[in-house]
N, C-alpha and C. Protein backbone atom coordinates (compact mmCIF):
# COMPACT_ATOMS: atom_id res chain seq x y z
N MET A 1 31.27 29.56 62.85
CA MET A 1 31.84 28.34 63.72
C MET A 1 33.02 27.74 63.49
N GLU A 2 33.00 27.10 62.15
CA GLU A 2 34.06 26.44 61.79
C GLU A 2 35.30 27.56 61.54
N LYS A 3 35.01 28.58 60.90
CA LYS A 3 36.47 29.50 60.72
C LYS A 3 36.77 29.94 62.21
N ASN A 4 36.09 29.75 63.32
CA ASN A 4 36.66 30.57 64.61
C ASN A 4 37.56 29.11 65.12
N THR A 5 37.24 27.76 64.92
CA THR A 5 37.84 26.67 65.24
C THR A 5 39.01 26.68 64.58
N LYS A 6 39.07 27.14 63.31
CA LYS A 6 40.45 26.92 62.52
C LYS A 6 41.50 27.85 63.10
N LYS A 7 40.94 29.26 63.51
CA LYS A 7 41.53 30.15 64.00
C LYS A 7 42.18 29.51 65.37
N GLN A 8 41.60 29.04 66.04
CA GLN A 8 42.17 28.35 67.38
C GLN A 8 42.93 27.27 67.29
N LYS A 9 42.84 26.78 66.28
CA LYS A 9 43.95 25.60 65.95
C LYS A 9 45.18 26.19 65.67
N ILE A 10 45.24 27.27 64.74
CA ILE A 10 46.29 27.90 64.31
C ILE A 10 46.98 28.55 65.64
N ARG A 11 46.39 29.26 66.34
CA ARG A 11 46.59 29.77 67.70
C ARG A 11 47.62 28.49 68.55
N LEU A 12 46.79 27.69 68.72
CA LEU A 12 47.35 26.80 69.40
C LEU A 12 48.41 25.75 69.02
N SER A 13 48.88 25.74 67.58
CA SER A 13 49.90 25.47 67.09
C SER A 13 51.28 26.49 67.16
N LEU A 14 51.00 27.70 67.65
CA LEU A 14 51.96 28.75 67.87
C LEU A 14 53.08 28.07 69.00
N PRO A 15 54.18 28.33 69.11
CA PRO A 15 55.08 28.03 69.91
C PRO A 15 54.90 28.70 71.35
N ASP A 16 54.80 28.25 72.42
CA ASP A 16 54.52 28.89 73.63
C ASP A 16 55.99 29.73 74.02
N ILE A 17 55.84 31.08 74.28
CA ILE A 17 57.02 31.89 74.50
C ILE A 17 58.04 31.27 75.72
N ASP A 18 57.02 31.10 76.47
CA ASP A 18 57.72 30.51 78.14
C ASP A 18 58.27 29.20 77.93
N SER A 19 58.12 28.24 76.82
CA SER A 19 58.64 26.91 76.56
C SER A 19 60.27 26.98 76.91
N PRO A 20 60.38 25.58 77.45
CA PRO A 20 62.09 25.71 77.72
C PRO A 20 62.50 25.64 76.45
N ARG A 21 62.02 25.10 75.32
CA ARG A 21 62.82 25.05 73.77
C ARG A 21 63.11 26.48 73.24
N LEU A 22 62.14 27.08 73.55
CA LEU A 22 62.19 28.47 72.90
C LEU A 22 63.20 29.33 73.80
N ARG A 23 63.47 29.11 75.07
CA ARG A 23 64.46 29.85 75.75
C ARG A 23 65.82 29.09 75.52
N ASP A 24 65.75 28.09 75.13
CA ASP A 24 67.06 27.20 74.93
C ASP A 24 67.61 27.73 73.61
N PHE A 25 66.63 27.99 72.76
CA PHE A 25 66.98 28.73 71.45
C PHE A 25 67.74 30.14 71.57
N PHE A 26 66.81 30.96 72.03
CA PHE A 26 67.24 32.49 72.34
C PHE A 26 69.04 32.16 73.22
N LEU A 27 68.80 31.41 74.42
CA LEU A 27 70.06 31.44 75.08
C LEU A 27 71.31 31.04 74.09
N GLY A 28 70.85 29.98 73.18
CA GLY A 28 71.77 29.38 72.14
C GLY A 28 72.42 30.53 71.03
N PHE A 29 71.28 31.45 70.61
CA PHE A 29 71.51 32.30 70.01
C PHE A 29 72.29 33.51 70.43
N LEU A 30 72.01 33.66 71.69
CA LEU A 30 72.95 35.04 72.50
C LEU A 30 74.54 34.66 72.36
N ILE A 31 74.49 33.27 73.08
CA ILE A 31 75.89 32.72 73.24
C ILE A 31 76.65 33.02 71.65
N ALA A 32 75.93 32.24 70.81
CA ALA A 32 76.80 32.45 69.57
C ALA A 32 76.93 33.84 69.21
N LEU A 33 76.24 34.64 69.54
CA LEU A 33 76.38 36.16 69.11
C LEU A 33 77.80 36.75 69.81
N PHE A 34 77.75 36.42 71.45
CA PHE A 34 78.92 36.71 72.14
C PHE A 34 80.27 36.20 71.56
N LEU A 35 80.00 35.00 71.36
CA LEU A 35 81.29 34.26 70.78
C LEU A 35 81.89 35.02 69.55
N LEU A 36 81.05 35.18 68.45
CA LEU A 36 81.23 35.91 67.23
C LEU A 36 81.79 37.40 67.56
N TYR A 37 81.34 38.14 68.44
CA TYR A 37 81.85 39.33 68.89
C TYR A 37 83.13 39.32 69.35
N ASP A 38 83.33 38.43 70.61
CA ASP A 38 84.71 38.03 70.93
C ASP A 38 85.79 37.78 69.91
N ILE A 39 85.35 36.64 68.76
CA ILE A 39 86.48 36.64 67.89
C ILE A 39 86.54 37.77 67.31
N LEU A 40 85.66 38.76 66.74
CA LEU A 40 85.95 39.65 66.09
C LEU A 40 86.89 40.88 66.69
N PHE A 41 86.49 40.88 68.01
CA PHE A 41 87.29 42.00 68.84
C PHE A 41 88.99 41.27 68.93
N PHE A 42 88.98 40.06 69.06
CA PHE A 42 90.22 39.51 69.24
C PHE A 42 91.08 39.74 67.96
N MET A 43 90.32 39.62 66.77
CA MET A 43 91.20 39.70 65.38
C MET A 43 91.14 41.39 65.12
N LEU A 44 90.45 42.35 65.67
CA LEU A 44 90.73 43.47 65.57
C LEU A 44 91.91 43.89 66.44
N GLY A 45 92.04 43.18 67.70
CA GLY A 45 93.05 43.55 68.67
C GLY A 45 94.24 43.30 68.02
N ARG A 46 94.32 42.03 66.98
CA ARG A 46 95.67 41.89 66.53
C ARG A 46 95.84 42.56 65.66
N SER A 47 95.10 42.89 64.76
CA SER A 47 95.23 43.55 63.72
C SER A 47 95.94 45.14 64.32
N MET A 48 95.23 45.78 65.13
CA MET A 48 96.08 47.03 65.57
C MET A 48 97.30 46.64 66.31
N GLN A 49 97.57 45.62 66.99
CA GLN A 49 99.08 45.46 67.59
C GLN A 49 100.03 45.43 66.21
N ARG A 50 99.41 44.73 65.52
CA ARG A 50 100.24 44.36 64.29
C ARG A 50 100.79 45.76 63.54
N GLU A 51 99.73 46.80 63.59
CA GLU A 51 100.00 48.02 63.10
C GLU A 51 100.93 49.09 64.04
N ASP A 52 100.55 48.88 65.61
CA ASP A 52 101.10 49.29 66.51
C ASP A 52 102.83 49.30 66.59
N TYR A 53 103.09 47.90 66.30
CA TYR A 53 104.53 47.56 66.39
C TYR A 53 105.41 46.77 64.95
N GLY A 54 104.70 47.74 64.09
CA GLY A 54 105.45 47.84 63.07
C GLY A 54 105.08 46.48 62.13
N LEU A 55 104.45 45.56 62.49
CA LEU A 55 104.34 44.43 61.78
C LEU A 55 103.29 44.45 60.69
N ARG A 56 103.35 45.22 59.85
CA ARG A 56 102.26 45.46 58.71
C ARG A 56 102.23 44.72 58.11
N SER A 57 101.08 44.15 57.42
CA SER A 57 100.55 43.12 56.72
C SER A 57 101.21 43.07 55.24
N GLY A 58 101.59 44.40 54.94
CA GLY A 58 102.16 44.59 53.79
C GLY A 58 103.85 44.21 53.64
N ALA A 59 104.20 44.13 54.82
CA ALA A 59 105.65 44.27 55.19
C ALA A 59 106.11 42.59 55.20
N SER A 60 107.05 42.23 54.43
CA SER A 60 107.51 40.65 54.47
C SER A 60 108.80 40.59 55.50
N PRO A 61 108.73 39.72 56.13
CA PRO A 61 109.76 39.32 57.24
C PRO A 61 110.85 39.36 56.50
N VAL A 62 111.98 39.86 57.13
CA VAL A 62 113.57 39.29 56.42
C VAL A 62 114.19 38.24 56.98
N LEU A 63 113.77 38.08 58.27
CA LEU A 63 114.28 37.00 59.10
C LEU A 63 115.87 37.08 59.16
N PHE A 64 116.20 38.08 59.65
CA PHE A 64 117.68 38.33 59.69
C PHE A 64 118.57 37.51 60.75
N GLU A 65 118.03 36.89 61.61
CA GLU A 65 118.84 36.18 62.70
C GLU A 65 119.83 35.47 62.50
N ASN A 66 119.75 34.56 61.26
CA ASN A 66 120.93 33.65 60.86
C ASN A 66 121.76 34.52 59.63
N LYS A 67 121.84 35.81 59.71
CA LYS A 67 122.67 36.11 58.37
C LYS A 67 123.82 37.00 59.33
N GLU A 68 124.74 37.08 58.46
CA GLU A 68 126.19 37.43 58.85
C GLU A 68 125.97 38.91 59.55
N TYR A 69 125.07 39.64 59.09
CA TYR A 69 125.25 40.91 59.76
C TYR A 69 124.98 41.03 61.03
N LYS A 70 124.34 39.76 61.60
CA LYS A 70 123.98 40.02 63.03
C LYS A 70 125.29 40.18 63.97
N ASN A 71 126.42 39.63 63.20
CA ASN A 71 127.74 39.73 63.99
C ASN A 71 128.12 41.16 63.94
N LEU A 72 127.49 42.19 63.22
CA LEU A 72 127.86 43.23 63.02
C LEU A 72 127.40 44.08 64.66
N VAL A 73 126.54 43.71 65.15
CA VAL A 73 125.96 44.47 66.22
C VAL A 73 125.97 43.87 67.42
N SER A 74 126.69 42.44 67.36
CA SER A 74 127.00 41.79 68.61
C SER A 74 127.70 42.51 69.76
N GLY A 75 127.21 42.31 70.76
CA GLY A 75 127.62 43.00 72.22
C GLY A 75 127.46 44.52 72.19
N HIS A 76 126.56 44.87 71.33
CA HIS A 76 125.99 46.30 71.16
C HIS A 76 124.56 46.35 71.75
N PRO A 77 124.19 47.51 72.62
CA PRO A 77 122.56 47.52 73.20
C PRO A 77 121.75 47.06 72.02
N ILE A 78 121.83 47.38 70.56
CA ILE A 78 120.94 47.30 69.56
C ILE A 78 120.56 45.61 69.44
N GLU A 79 121.45 44.99 70.12
CA GLU A 79 121.33 43.32 69.54
C GLU A 79 120.03 42.69 70.16
N ARG A 80 119.66 43.45 71.39
CA ARG A 80 118.28 42.96 71.81
C ARG A 80 116.98 43.28 71.08
N MET A 81 117.45 44.14 69.78
CA MET A 81 116.08 44.52 69.31
C MET A 81 116.25 43.64 67.80
N ILE A 82 117.15 42.87 67.40
CA ILE A 82 116.90 42.08 66.48
C ILE A 82 115.67 41.30 66.17
N PRO A 83 115.20 40.99 67.25
CA PRO A 83 113.78 40.20 67.04
C PRO A 83 112.76 40.94 66.31
N TYR A 84 112.77 42.26 66.72
CA TYR A 84 111.46 43.04 66.18
C TYR A 84 112.24 43.81 64.94
N ILE A 85 113.50 44.19 64.69
CA ILE A 85 114.16 44.64 63.21
C ILE A 85 113.96 43.56 62.36
N SER A 86 114.05 42.25 62.64
CA SER A 86 113.95 41.25 61.85
C SER A 86 112.43 40.93 61.21
N ARG A 87 111.43 41.56 61.58
CA ARG A 87 110.15 41.57 61.11
C ARG A 87 109.77 42.90 60.24
N GLN A 88 110.76 43.68 60.35
CA GLN A 88 110.55 44.92 59.30
C GLN A 88 110.79 44.55 57.82
N ASN A 89 110.33 45.41 56.97
CA ASN A 89 110.67 45.18 55.44
C ASN A 89 112.33 45.23 55.57
N GLY A 90 112.70 44.55 54.57
CA GLY A 90 114.28 44.59 54.33
C GLY A 90 114.64 45.98 54.30
N GLN A 91 114.21 46.70 53.53
CA GLN A 91 115.19 47.95 53.16
C GLN A 91 115.07 48.84 54.37
N VAL A 92 113.66 49.05 55.24
CA VAL A 92 113.54 49.49 56.39
C VAL A 92 114.35 49.13 57.32
N ALA A 93 114.66 47.93 57.42
CA ALA A 93 115.53 47.26 58.31
C ALA A 93 117.16 47.66 58.30
N SER A 94 117.46 47.72 56.89
CA SER A 94 118.92 48.07 56.61
C SER A 94 119.06 49.85 57.26
N PHE A 95 118.08 50.37 56.88
CA PHE A 95 118.34 51.89 57.54
C PHE A 95 118.31 51.82 58.90
N ILE A 96 117.31 51.17 59.61
CA ILE A 96 117.32 51.19 61.06
C ILE A 96 118.60 50.95 61.53
N ILE A 97 119.42 49.81 61.23
CA ILE A 97 120.52 49.40 61.52
C ILE A 97 121.62 50.43 61.25
N ALA A 98 121.87 51.06 60.12
CA ALA A 98 122.89 51.88 59.58
C ALA A 98 122.61 53.21 60.34
N ILE A 99 121.18 53.86 60.18
CA ILE A 99 121.22 54.95 60.98
C ILE A 99 121.42 54.99 62.68
N ALA A 100 121.27 53.93 63.26
CA ALA A 100 121.47 53.50 64.69
C ALA A 100 123.34 53.46 64.54
N LYS A 101 123.86 53.08 63.70
CA LYS A 101 125.35 52.92 63.77
C LYS A 101 125.98 54.41 63.78
N LYS A 102 125.30 55.05 62.83
CA LYS A 102 126.08 56.43 62.78
C LYS A 102 125.55 57.55 64.03
N GLU A 103 124.20 57.12 64.52
CA GLU A 103 123.53 58.04 65.49
C GLU A 103 124.14 57.77 66.94
N SER A 104 124.41 56.63 67.27
CA SER A 104 124.58 55.99 68.90
C SER A 104 125.66 55.01 68.85
N ASP A 105 126.05 54.65 67.65
CA ASP A 105 127.29 53.42 67.71
C ASP A 105 126.35 52.39 68.23
N TRP A 106 125.24 52.29 67.43
CA TRP A 106 124.22 51.15 67.95
C TRP A 106 123.88 50.94 69.38
N GLY A 107 123.65 52.27 69.86
CA GLY A 107 123.40 52.36 71.37
C GLY A 107 123.99 52.63 72.40
N LYS A 108 125.51 52.74 72.37
CA LYS A 108 126.49 52.98 73.25
C LYS A 108 126.06 54.39 73.39
N TYR A 109 126.00 55.29 72.78
CA TYR A 109 125.95 56.75 72.97
C TYR A 109 124.63 57.33 72.81
N ALA A 110 123.38 57.00 73.67
CA ALA A 110 122.06 57.21 73.24
C ALA A 110 121.40 57.73 74.66
N PRO A 111 120.37 58.74 74.36
CA PRO A 111 119.77 59.34 75.64
C PRO A 111 119.29 58.42 76.71
N GLN A 112 119.03 59.00 78.04
CA GLN A 112 118.84 58.39 79.00
C GLN A 112 117.60 59.11 79.74
N LYS A 113 116.90 58.83 80.64
CA LYS A 113 115.75 59.66 81.28
C LYS A 113 115.89 58.99 82.48
N ASN A 114 115.66 59.67 83.56
CA ASN A 114 115.89 59.14 85.25
C ASN A 114 116.81 57.75 85.29
N GLY A 115 117.92 58.14 84.57
CA GLY A 115 118.85 57.01 84.86
C GLY A 115 118.70 55.66 83.99
N ARG A 116 117.71 55.79 83.11
CA ARG A 116 117.36 54.12 82.44
C ARG A 116 117.35 54.68 80.99
N ASP A 117 118.08 53.68 79.84
CA ASP A 117 118.04 53.80 78.60
C ASP A 117 116.49 54.15 77.99
N CYS A 118 116.59 55.04 77.09
CA CYS A 118 115.38 54.99 76.30
C CYS A 118 115.18 54.60 74.91
N TYR A 119 115.99 53.70 74.79
CA TYR A 119 116.01 52.59 73.65
C TYR A 119 116.11 53.54 72.44
N ASN A 120 116.65 54.62 72.38
CA ASN A 120 116.47 55.68 71.25
C ASN A 120 117.81 55.89 70.81
N TYR A 121 118.18 54.66 69.47
CA TYR A 121 119.52 54.75 69.29
C TYR A 121 119.68 55.45 67.86
N TRP A 122 118.64 56.36 67.60
CA TRP A 122 118.61 57.17 66.08
C TRP A 122 118.52 58.59 66.49
N GLY A 123 118.73 59.14 67.32
CA GLY A 123 118.69 60.65 67.36
C GLY A 123 117.25 60.92 67.33
N TYR A 124 116.43 60.44 67.44
CA TYR A 124 114.93 60.61 67.12
C TYR A 124 114.28 61.53 68.29
N ARG A 125 113.92 62.67 67.59
CA ARG A 125 112.91 63.68 68.25
C ARG A 125 111.78 63.95 67.96
N GLY A 126 110.81 63.03 68.77
CA GLY A 126 109.40 62.95 68.54
C GLY A 126 108.81 63.65 69.91
N SER A 127 107.52 63.47 69.95
CA SER A 127 106.49 64.10 70.81
C SER A 127 106.56 63.24 72.06
N TYR A 128 106.68 61.97 71.81
CA TYR A 128 106.49 61.22 72.77
C TYR A 128 107.48 61.02 73.97
N ASN A 129 107.04 61.17 75.23
CA ASN A 129 108.12 61.11 76.40
C ASN A 129 109.39 61.60 76.35
N GLN A 130 109.42 62.75 76.20
CA GLN A 130 110.67 63.55 75.36
C GLN A 130 111.47 63.80 76.85
N THR A 131 112.97 63.91 76.47
CA THR A 131 113.82 63.76 77.41
C THR A 131 114.17 65.62 77.43
N ASP A 132 114.97 66.01 78.41
CA ASP A 132 115.12 67.53 78.39
C ASP A 132 115.76 67.84 77.04
N SER A 133 116.27 67.04 76.36
CA SER A 133 116.94 67.42 75.05
C SER A 133 116.19 67.24 73.92
N GLY A 134 115.08 66.87 74.26
CA GLY A 134 114.10 66.89 73.25
C GLY A 134 113.77 65.33 72.33
N TYR A 135 114.54 64.11 73.04
CA TYR A 135 114.68 63.28 72.22
C TYR A 135 113.70 62.08 72.90
N SER A 136 112.82 61.28 72.13
CA SER A 136 111.81 60.53 72.44
C SER A 136 112.42 59.49 73.19
N CYS A 137 111.82 59.25 74.66
CA CYS A 137 112.38 58.09 75.60
C CYS A 137 111.18 57.06 75.44
N PHE A 138 111.44 55.82 74.47
CA PHE A 138 110.62 54.63 74.37
C PHE A 138 110.64 53.94 75.69
N ASP A 139 109.55 53.07 75.59
CA ASP A 139 109.13 52.37 76.71
C ASP A 139 109.81 51.00 76.96
N SER A 140 110.34 50.47 75.53
CA SER A 140 110.59 49.23 75.34
C SER A 140 111.34 49.17 73.91
N PRO A 141 112.29 48.14 73.68
CA PRO A 141 112.95 48.01 72.49
C PRO A 141 112.16 47.84 71.33
N ARG A 142 110.81 46.99 71.53
CA ARG A 142 109.78 46.95 70.80
C ARG A 142 108.96 48.09 70.23
N GLN A 143 108.79 48.85 71.28
CA GLN A 143 108.20 50.37 70.84
C GLN A 143 109.07 50.92 70.04
N ALA A 144 110.51 50.85 70.19
CA ALA A 144 111.26 51.92 69.68
C ALA A 144 111.50 51.55 68.12
N VAL A 145 111.53 50.19 67.73
CA VAL A 145 111.89 49.84 66.57
C VAL A 145 110.47 49.99 65.72
N ALA A 146 109.11 49.97 66.27
CA ALA A 146 107.86 50.22 65.87
C ALA A 146 107.92 51.62 65.07
N VAL A 147 108.06 52.47 66.30
CA VAL A 147 108.01 53.94 65.91
C VAL A 147 109.03 54.24 64.82
N ILE A 148 110.40 53.64 64.89
CA ILE A 148 111.39 54.41 63.99
C ILE A 148 111.25 53.52 62.66
N GLY A 149 110.61 51.96 62.44
CA GLY A 149 110.48 51.58 61.70
C GLY A 149 109.48 52.30 60.81
N SER A 150 108.23 52.66 61.50
CA SER A 150 107.15 53.68 60.66
C SER A 150 107.74 54.79 59.95
N ARG A 151 108.69 55.50 60.74
CA ARG A 151 108.98 56.47 60.38
C ARG A 151 109.91 56.55 58.92
N ILE A 152 110.48 55.62 58.93
CA ILE A 152 111.52 55.18 57.94
C ILE A 152 110.72 54.84 56.75
N GLU A 153 109.67 53.93 57.09
CA GLU A 153 108.81 53.12 56.08
C GLU A 153 108.11 54.44 55.31
N ASP A 154 107.58 55.44 56.13
CA ASP A 154 107.00 56.60 55.58
C ASP A 154 107.96 57.53 54.79
N LEU A 155 108.95 57.67 55.00
CA LEU A 155 110.06 58.48 54.22
C LEU A 155 110.26 57.60 52.96
N ILE A 156 110.29 56.36 52.85
CA ILE A 156 110.90 55.58 51.73
C ILE A 156 109.49 55.69 50.91
N ALA A 157 108.42 55.56 51.08
CA ALA A 157 107.03 55.89 50.64
C ALA A 157 107.24 57.01 49.69
N GLN A 158 108.13 58.02 50.47
CA GLN A 158 108.04 59.46 49.52
C GLN A 158 109.06 59.34 48.66
N ASP A 159 109.61 58.28 48.40
CA ASP A 159 110.76 58.14 47.46
C ASP A 159 112.03 58.71 47.98
N ILE A 160 112.18 58.72 49.28
CA ILE A 160 113.42 59.00 50.07
C ILE A 160 113.92 57.68 50.34
N ASP A 161 114.69 57.09 49.71
CA ASP A 161 114.99 55.90 49.58
C ASP A 161 116.45 55.57 49.75
N THR A 162 117.44 56.40 49.22
CA THR A 162 118.56 56.15 49.67
C THR A 162 119.29 57.08 50.84
N PRO A 163 120.39 56.81 51.21
CA PRO A 163 121.54 57.33 52.44
C PRO A 163 121.34 59.03 51.74
N LYS A 164 121.64 59.65 50.78
CA LYS A 164 121.74 60.84 50.20
C LYS A 164 120.40 61.43 50.57
N GLU A 165 119.22 60.69 49.99
CA GLU A 165 118.07 61.57 50.54
C GLU A 165 117.47 61.30 51.89
N MET A 166 118.01 60.57 52.68
CA MET A 166 117.96 60.01 53.97
C MET A 166 118.43 60.91 54.81
N ILE A 167 119.29 61.80 54.32
CA ILE A 167 119.61 62.82 55.15
C ILE A 167 118.81 64.00 55.65
N VAL A 168 117.42 63.93 55.42
CA VAL A 168 116.72 64.65 56.20
C VAL A 168 116.35 64.26 57.23
N TRP A 169 116.85 62.84 57.71
CA TRP A 169 116.81 62.28 59.04
C TRP A 169 117.77 63.05 59.79
N LYS A 170 119.01 63.41 59.34
CA LYS A 170 119.75 64.43 60.48
C LYS A 170 119.28 66.01 60.23
N CYS A 171 118.75 66.40 59.12
CA CYS A 171 118.93 67.85 58.86
C CYS A 171 117.38 68.27 59.00
N GLY A 172 116.57 67.70 58.92
CA GLY A 172 115.09 67.95 58.48
C GLY A 172 114.89 68.78 57.16
N SER A 173 114.22 69.72 57.01
CA SER A 173 113.79 70.20 55.68
C SER A 173 115.06 70.66 54.89
N ASN A 174 116.16 71.34 55.60
CA ASN A 174 117.34 71.51 54.95
C ASN A 174 118.46 71.41 56.26
N CYS A 175 119.89 71.78 55.51
CA CYS A 175 120.89 71.12 56.34
C CYS A 175 121.84 72.61 56.40
N ARG A 176 121.19 73.67 56.80
CA ARG A 176 121.89 74.99 56.71
C ARG A 176 122.77 74.82 58.17
N GLY A 177 122.06 74.13 59.14
CA GLY A 177 122.84 74.04 60.54
C GLY A 177 123.77 73.28 60.72
N HIS A 178 124.17 72.52 59.58
CA HIS A 178 125.12 71.49 59.63
C HIS A 178 126.51 71.97 58.47
N SER A 179 127.60 71.31 58.89
CA SER A 179 128.41 71.83 58.26
C SER A 179 128.75 70.82 57.18
N ARG A 180 129.12 71.11 55.90
CA ARG A 180 129.15 70.19 54.58
C ARG A 180 129.76 68.86 54.82
N TYR A 181 130.94 69.03 55.63
CA TYR A 181 131.61 67.91 55.97
C TYR A 181 130.57 66.79 56.72
N ASP A 182 130.09 67.23 57.98
CA ASP A 182 129.20 66.53 58.57
C ASP A 182 128.01 65.80 57.72
N VAL A 183 127.57 66.51 56.78
CA VAL A 183 126.41 65.93 56.20
C VAL A 183 126.99 65.18 55.13
N ARG A 184 128.02 65.24 54.64
CA ARG A 184 128.85 64.09 53.79
C ARG A 184 129.31 63.16 54.18
N LYS A 185 129.86 63.20 55.80
CA LYS A 185 130.09 62.04 56.42
C LYS A 185 128.99 61.33 56.66
N TRP A 186 127.85 62.06 57.45
CA TRP A 186 126.66 61.03 57.71
C TRP A 186 126.08 60.42 56.67
N ILE A 187 126.01 60.95 55.11
CA ILE A 187 125.58 60.32 54.16
C ILE A 187 126.49 58.92 53.80
N SER A 188 127.76 59.08 53.94
CA SER A 188 128.99 58.03 53.62
C SER A 188 128.96 56.82 54.62
N ASP A 189 128.77 57.26 55.90
CA ASP A 189 128.39 56.03 57.06
C ASP A 189 127.11 55.36 56.87
N VAL A 190 126.23 56.28 56.67
CA VAL A 190 125.16 55.48 56.48
C VAL A 190 124.87 54.30 55.29
N ASP A 191 125.31 55.08 54.17
CA ASP A 191 125.50 54.55 53.02
C ASP A 191 126.65 53.03 53.25
N LEU A 192 127.38 53.31 54.00
CA LEU A 192 128.71 52.25 54.25
C LEU A 192 127.85 50.84 54.96
N TYR A 193 126.93 51.02 55.81
CA TYR A 193 126.37 50.16 56.80
C TYR A 193 125.05 49.58 56.19
N VAL A 194 124.34 50.47 55.29
CA VAL A 194 123.18 49.92 54.48
C VAL A 194 123.70 48.68 53.40
N ALA A 195 125.06 49.16 52.74
CA ALA A 195 125.56 48.34 52.06
C ALA A 195 125.96 46.90 52.90
N LYS A 196 126.64 47.00 54.01
CA LYS A 196 127.21 45.67 54.80
C LYS A 196 125.70 44.99 55.06
N VAL A 197 124.64 45.65 55.63
CA VAL A 197 123.48 44.71 56.06
C VAL A 197 122.83 44.42 54.96
N ASP A 198 122.96 44.94 53.83
CA ASP A 198 122.37 44.23 52.53
C ASP A 198 123.20 43.14 52.19
N ASN A 199 124.45 43.39 52.05
CA ASN A 199 125.51 42.06 51.73
C ASN A 199 125.08 41.04 52.62
N GLY A 200 124.96 41.32 54.05
CA GLY A 200 124.88 40.30 54.84
C GLY A 200 123.65 39.57 55.02
N ASN A 201 122.64 40.12 54.20
CA ASN A 201 121.49 39.21 54.23
C ASN A 201 121.17 38.78 52.75
N SER A 202 122.20 38.69 52.10
CA SER A 202 122.12 38.29 50.42
C SER A 202 122.52 36.66 50.43
């Protein structure tokens, strides 16, 4: 009899699942769980955005806005891309500007689609939203710099990091379809503007 009484007391001391305090506890727990999920989702989104737009965590901002080279592109269409170019790694940014000068005179002679600027100032032929000529037609200056910057960064990672080696941008795997003069001119012009950008940022 005494044993049953103890068991009964223990049962009576357990919290009632229908009690308001228990419901409040579970409600608070669920709210905290949802808040944690939202924070993690937000951080993941920011990380993906950084990758999508070339703001990779390993890339150090070069902050070109106040450097002399900005005068080089003044009045050219590429000028609007400076805020995005400035967030690229310094070497990548130099090639972005130098190749754009050679390929399109910084956007003056660039592909269009349906009468609008494709923001493709590098003669880039990718699979995204191609023009009739096979050039990628980007949706915005930001997207253009992200894609081009990522491609140049990949080439640099393969030790293709001089204008002479970067001729693969123009020729692909080989330059048989291009004259020697055109190849040499491409290399020398890109080399010239890489040096100008580097000097302007020193």
